[in-house]
């Protein structure tokens, strides 16, 4: 699966994360994949893990 990178404002990123969407943002090391605790299964799905 190929994902498209979409750049959005910090406000949009927060709104999307609060709505349960998986988001990512740059850091000095590895980009994190924050998610609500009840949506953490999405991280495993996106990484292709079970």
N, C-alpha and C. Protein backbone atom coordinates (compact mmCIF):
# COMPACT_ATOMS: atom_id res chain seq x y z
N UNK A 1 0.85 -1.17 0.00
CA UNK A 1 0.00 0.00 0.00
C UNK A 1 0.89 1.23 0.00
N UNK A 2 0.62 2.16 -0.87
CA UNK A 2 1.38 3.39 -0.93
C UNK A 2 0.53 4.51 -0.34
N UNK A 3 1.10 5.24 0.60
CA UNK A 3 0.37 6.33 1.24
C UNK A 3 0.83 7.66 0.71
N UNK A 4 -0.08 8.58 0.60
CA UNK A 4 0.22 9.91 0.11
C UNK A 4 0.50 10.83 1.30
N UNK A 5 1.56 11.61 1.22
CA UNK A 5 1.89 12.56 2.27
C UNK A 5 1.09 13.84 2.04
N UNK A 6 0.36 14.24 3.06
CA UNK A 6 -0.46 15.45 2.99
C UNK A 6 0.01 16.39 4.10
N UNK A 7 0.38 17.59 3.75
CA UNK A 7 0.80 18.58 4.73
C UNK A 7 -0.40 19.41 5.14
N UNK A 8 -0.62 19.52 6.46
CA UNK A 8 -1.75 20.28 7.00
C UNK A 8 -1.27 21.16 8.14
N UNK A 9 -2.12 22.07 8.58
CA UNK A 9 -1.79 22.93 9.71
C UNK A 9 -1.80 22.10 11.00
N UNK A 10 -1.18 22.62 12.04
CA UNK A 10 -1.17 21.92 13.33
C UNK A 10 -2.59 21.77 13.87
N UNK A 11 -3.43 22.76 13.62
CA UNK A 11 -4.82 22.68 14.08
C UNK A 11 -5.55 21.52 13.40
N UNK A 12 -5.34 21.36 12.10
CA UNK A 12 -5.96 20.26 11.36
C UNK A 12 -5.42 18.93 11.84
N UNK A 13 -4.11 18.86 12.09
CA UNK A 13 -3.51 17.63 12.59
C UNK A 13 -4.14 17.24 13.93
N UNK A 14 -4.30 18.19 14.83
CA UNK A 14 -4.91 17.92 16.13
C UNK A 14 -6.36 17.48 15.97
N UNK A 15 -7.11 18.17 15.12
CA UNK A 15 -8.51 17.80 14.89
C UNK A 15 -8.62 16.38 14.35
N UNK A 16 -7.76 16.04 13.40
CA UNK A 16 -7.81 14.69 12.81
C UNK A 16 -7.43 13.62 13.82
N UNK A 17 -6.40 13.89 14.62
CA UNK A 17 -6.00 12.93 15.65
C UNK A 17 -7.11 12.76 16.68
N UNK A 18 -7.73 13.85 17.09
CA UNK A 18 -8.82 13.78 18.06
C UNK A 18 -10.02 13.03 17.51
N UNK A 19 -10.18 13.03 16.19
CA UNK A 19 -11.28 12.32 15.55
C UNK A 19 -10.99 10.83 15.36
N UNK A 20 -9.78 10.41 15.74
CA UNK A 20 -9.43 9.00 15.63
C UNK A 20 -8.59 8.63 14.44
N UNK A 21 -8.20 9.61 13.63
CA UNK A 21 -7.35 9.33 12.48
C UNK A 21 -5.90 9.17 12.92
N UNK A 22 -5.16 8.36 12.19
CA UNK A 22 -3.73 8.20 12.43
C UNK A 22 -3.02 9.38 11.78
N UNK A 23 -2.12 10.02 12.51
CA UNK A 23 -1.38 11.16 11.97
C UNK A 23 0.11 10.93 12.20
N UNK A 24 0.94 11.68 11.50
CA UNK A 24 2.38 11.61 11.68
C UNK A 24 2.93 13.01 11.53
N UNK A 25 4.04 13.26 12.20
CA UNK A 25 4.68 14.57 12.07
C UNK A 25 6.18 14.39 12.23
N UNK A 26 6.97 15.30 11.64
CA UNK A 26 8.43 15.15 11.67
C UNK A 26 9.01 15.44 13.06
N UNK A 27 10.06 14.71 13.39
CA UNK A 27 10.84 14.96 14.60
C UNK A 27 12.31 14.88 14.20
N UNK A 28 13.20 14.99 15.17
CA UNK A 28 14.63 14.89 14.87
C UNK A 28 15.06 13.45 14.62
N UNK A 29 14.23 12.50 15.01
CA UNK A 29 14.58 11.09 14.82
C UNK A 29 13.53 10.43 13.93
N UNK A 30 12.79 9.50 14.46
CA UNK A 30 11.78 8.76 13.68
C UNK A 30 10.43 9.44 13.82
N UNK A 31 9.72 9.68 12.71
CA UNK A 31 8.39 10.29 12.82
C UNK A 31 7.44 9.41 13.63
N UNK A 32 6.82 9.98 14.66
CA UNK A 32 5.89 9.20 15.47
C UNK A 32 4.55 9.00 14.77
N UNK A 33 3.82 8.01 15.22
CA UNK A 33 2.47 7.74 14.74
C UNK A 33 1.52 7.80 15.93
N UNK A 34 1.13 8.99 16.35
CA UNK A 34 0.23 9.08 17.50
C UNK A 34 -1.19 8.68 17.13
N UNK A 35 -1.86 8.09 18.08
CA UNK A 35 -3.26 7.70 17.90
C UNK A 35 -3.94 7.68 19.26
N UNK A 36 -5.24 7.82 19.26
CA UNK A 36 -6.00 7.67 20.50
C UNK A 36 -5.84 6.22 20.95
N UNK A 37 -5.82 5.97 22.27
CA UNK A 37 -5.67 4.60 22.76
C UNK A 37 -6.69 3.62 22.16
N UNK A 38 -7.91 4.08 21.94
CA UNK A 38 -8.93 3.19 21.39
C UNK A 38 -8.77 2.97 19.89
N UNK A 39 -7.83 3.65 19.27
CA UNK A 39 -7.57 3.50 17.83
C UNK A 39 -6.17 2.97 17.56
N UNK A 40 -5.49 2.45 18.58
CA UNK A 40 -4.10 2.01 18.41
C UNK A 40 -3.95 0.86 17.41
N UNK A 41 -4.99 0.09 17.19
CA UNK A 41 -4.91 -1.01 16.22
C UNK A 41 -4.62 -0.50 14.81
N UNK A 42 -4.95 0.75 14.54
CA UNK A 42 -4.70 1.34 13.22
C UNK A 42 -3.20 1.39 12.94
N UNK A 43 -2.40 1.64 13.97
CA UNK A 43 -0.94 1.67 13.78
C UNK A 43 -0.44 0.32 13.28
N UNK A 44 -0.90 -0.76 13.90
CA UNK A 44 -0.50 -2.10 13.48
C UNK A 44 -0.98 -2.39 12.06
N UNK A 45 -2.18 -1.96 11.74
CA UNK A 45 -2.72 -2.15 10.39
C UNK A 45 -1.86 -1.43 9.36
N UNK A 46 -1.52 -0.17 9.62
CA UNK A 46 -0.73 0.61 8.67
C UNK A 46 0.68 0.06 8.51
N UNK A 47 1.23 -0.52 9.58
CA UNK A 47 2.58 -1.10 9.50
C UNK A 47 2.57 -2.53 8.98
N UNK A 48 1.37 -3.08 8.77
CA UNK A 48 1.28 -4.45 8.27
C UNK A 48 1.61 -5.49 9.32
N UNK A 49 1.37 -5.16 10.59
CA UNK A 49 1.65 -6.10 11.68
C UNK A 49 0.34 -6.58 12.30
N UNK A 50 0.43 -7.70 13.01
CA UNK A 50 -0.77 -8.22 13.67
C UNK A 50 -0.64 -8.16 15.17
